[in-house]
Amino acid sequence: MTVALMWEARAVEGRGEELLAWAREQRLPEEPLRRETFRAPQDRVLVITWWDADYDAVLPELPEPDGELVNRAVHRWRFEAVAGG
């Protein structure tokens, strides 16, 4: 089964590039099948990692950034791939 973990954070206004750089520097103790990083308006950063694992498996996730870098707690979601696209 393929599981996707989504991690999304919103930087304090004007610090989006700093949050993006921080997220890109974070290393996980295991390498996912795939990892992509995105940015969006309002200084938001999204990281998606894909894993070959059961839905409820314990998987490494990006940590919470320093509270002075973000203006709210990180949002996290977990999804499983569905056959047939």
C-alpha atoms as a PDB file:
ATOM      1  CA  MET A   1       0.000   0.000   0.000  1.00  0.00           C
ATOM      2  CA  THR A   2       1.164   3.542  -0.679  1.00  0.00           C
ATOM      3  CA  VAL A   3       0.574   6.145   2.015  1.00  0.00           C
ATOM      4  CA  ALA A   4       1.030   9.875   1.496  1.00  0.00           C
ATOM      5  CA  LEU A   5       1.783  12.158   4.434  1.00  0.00           C
ATOM      6  CA  MET A   6       1.008  15.831   3.960  1.00  0.00           C
ATOM      7  CA  TRP A   7       2.612  18.503   6.135  1.00  0.00           C
ATOM      8  CA  GLU A   8       1.476  22.125   5.725  1.00  0.00           C
ATOM      9  CA  ALA A   9       2.625  25.213   7.598  1.00  0.00           C
ATOM     10  CA  ARG A  10       2.021  28.943   7.291  1.00  0.00           C
ATOM     11  CA  ALA A  11       4.896  31.279   8.034  1.00  0.00           C
ATOM     12  CA  VAL A  12       4.689  34.511   9.911  1.00  0.00           C
ATOM     13  CA  GLU A  13       4.041  37.191   7.272  1.00  0.00           C
ATOM     14  CA  GLY A  14       7.106  37.844   5.151  1.00  0.00           C
ATOM     15  CA  ARG A  15       8.981  34.723   6.294  1.00  0.00           C
ATOM     16  CA  GLY A  16       7.731  32.296   3.654  1.00  0.00           C
ATOM     17  CA  GLU A  17      11.128  31.887   1.993  1.00  0.00           C
ATOM     18  CA  GLU A  18      12.701  31.154   5.371  1.00  0.00           C
ATOM     19  CA  LEU A  19      10.047  28.515   6.117  1.00  0.00           C
ATOM     20  CA  LEU A  20      10.540  26.998   2.666  1.00  0.00           C
ATOM     21  CA  ALA A  21      14.297  26.767   3.228  1.00  0.00           C
ATOM     22  CA  TRP A  22      13.748  25.280   6.701  1.00  0.00           C
ATOM     23  CA  ALA A  23      11.385  22.591   5.340  1.00  0.00           C
ATOM     24  CA  ARG A  24      13.774  21.674   2.520  1.00  0.00           C
ATOM     25  CA  GLU A  25      16.653  21.245   5.005  1.00  0.00           C
ATOM     26  CA  GLN A  26      14.756  18.786   7.213  1.00  0.00           C
ATOM     27  CA  ARG A  27      16.020  15.224   6.879  1.00  0.00           C
ATOM     28  CA  LEU A  28      13.985  12.204   7.863  1.00  0.00           C
ATOM     29  CA  PRO A  29      15.583   9.133   9.500  1.00  0.00           C
ATOM     30  CA  GLU A  30      14.260   7.048   6.574  1.00  0.00           C
ATOM     31  CA  GLU A  31      13.933   8.000   2.918  1.00  0.00           C
ATOM     32  CA  PRO A  32      10.383   8.031   1.532  1.00  0.00           C
ATOM     33  CA  LEU A  33       9.563   6.662  -1.911  1.00  0.00           C
ATOM     34  CA  ARG A  34       9.078  10.253  -3.006  1.00  0.00           C
ATOM     35  CA  ARG A  35       9.105  13.721  -1.468  1.00  0.00           C
ATOM     36  CA  GLU A  36       7.819  16.974  -2.958  1.00  0.00           C
ATOM     37  CA  THR A  37       7.800  20.486  -1.583  1.00  0.00           C
ATOM     38  CA  PHE A  38       5.383  23.239  -2.634  1.00  0.00           C
ATOM     39  CA  ARG A  39       4.737  26.868  -1.752  1.00  0.00           C
ATOM     40  CA  ALA A  40       1.588  28.956  -2.035  1.00  0.00           C
ATOM     41  CA  PRO A  41       0.378  32.496  -1.373  1.00  0.00           C
ATOM     42  CA  GLN A  42       0.164  33.668   2.217  1.00  0.00           C
ATOM     43  CA  ASP A  43       3.635  32.236   2.950  1.00  0.00           C
ATOM     44  CA  ARG A  44       2.415  28.618   3.058  1.00  0.00           C
ATOM     45  CA  VAL A  45       4.638  25.563   2.542  1.00  0.00           C
ATOM     46  CA  LEU A  46       3.446  22.026   1.805  1.00  0.00           C
ATOM     47  CA  VAL A  47       5.570  18.862   1.934  1.00  0.00           C
ATOM     48  CA  ILE A  48       4.187  15.525   0.721  1.00  0.00           C
ATOM     49  CA  THR A  49       6.033  12.265   1.317  1.00  0.00           C
ATOM     50  CA  TRP A  50       5.018   8.881  -0.118  1.00  0.00           C
ATOM     51  CA  TRP A  51       5.703   5.626   1.714  1.00  0.00           C
ATOM     52  CA  ASP A  52       5.316   1.917   1.007  1.00  0.00           C
ATOM     53  CA  ALA A  53       3.560   1.156   4.282  1.00  0.00           C
ATOM     54  CA  ASP A  54       0.271   0.280   5.922  1.00  0.00           C
ATOM     55  CA  TYR A  55      -2.077   3.200   6.540  1.00  0.00           C
ATOM     56  CA  ASP A  56      -1.539   3.157  10.306  1.00  0.00           C
ATOM     57  CA  ALA A  57       2.233   2.508  10.194  1.00  0.00           C
ATOM     58  CA  VAL A  58       4.486   4.682  12.319  1.00  0.00           C
ATOM     59  CA  LEU A  59       6.305   6.865   9.791  1.00  0.00           C
ATOM     60  CA  PRO A  60       8.782   9.715  10.173  1.00  0.00           C
ATOM     61  CA  GLU A  61       7.288  13.168   9.743  1.00  0.00           C
ATOM     62  CA  LEU A  62       8.683  16.663   9.578  1.00  0.00           C
ATOM     63  CA  PRO A  63       8.746  18.352  12.974  1.00  0.00           C
ATOM     64  CA  GLU A  64       7.072  21.564  14.052  1.00  0.00           C
ATOM     65  CA  PRO A  65       9.159  24.600  13.094  1.00  0.00           C
ATOM     66  CA  ASP A  66      10.224  27.156  15.659  1.00  0.00           C
ATOM     67  CA  GLY A  67       7.135  28.970  16.955  1.00  0.00           C
ATOM     68  CA  GLU A  68       8.563  32.315  15.856  1.00  0.00           C
ATOM     69  CA  LEU A  69       8.676  31.128  12.225  1.00  0.00           C
ATOM     70  CA  VAL A  70       5.051  30.002  11.900  1.00  0.00           C
ATOM     71  CA  ASN A  71       1.811  31.697  12.866  1.00  0.00           C
ATOM     72  CA  ARG A  72      -0.132  28.506  13.713  1.00  0.00           C
ATOM     73  CA  ALA A  73       0.410  24.825  14.378  1.00  0.00           C
ATOM     74  CA  VAL A  74       1.372  22.623  11.446  1.00  0.00           C
ATOM     75  CA  HIS A  75      -1.499  20.832   9.707  1.00  0.00           C
ATOM     76  CA  ARG A  76      -0.942  17.131   8.979  1.00  0.00           C
ATOM     77  CA  TRP A  77      -2.984  14.691   6.908  1.00  0.00           C
ATOM     78  CA  ARG A  78      -2.537  11.048   5.919  1.00  0.00           C
ATOM     79  CA  PHE A  79      -3.966   9.462   2.774  1.00  0.00           C
ATOM     80  CA  GLU A  80      -3.768   6.054   1.130  1.00  0.00           C
ATOM     81  CA  ALA A  81      -3.489   5.545  -2.622  1.00  0.00           C
ATOM     82  CA  VAL A  82      -6.589   4.212  -4.364  1.00  0.00           C
ATOM     83  CA  ALA A  83      -6.189   1.677  -7.176  1.00  0.00           C
ATOM     84  CA  GLY A  84      -7.219   2.890 -10.601  1.00  0.00           C
ATOM     85  CA  GLY A  85      -6.073   6.436 -10.068  1.00  0.00           C
END
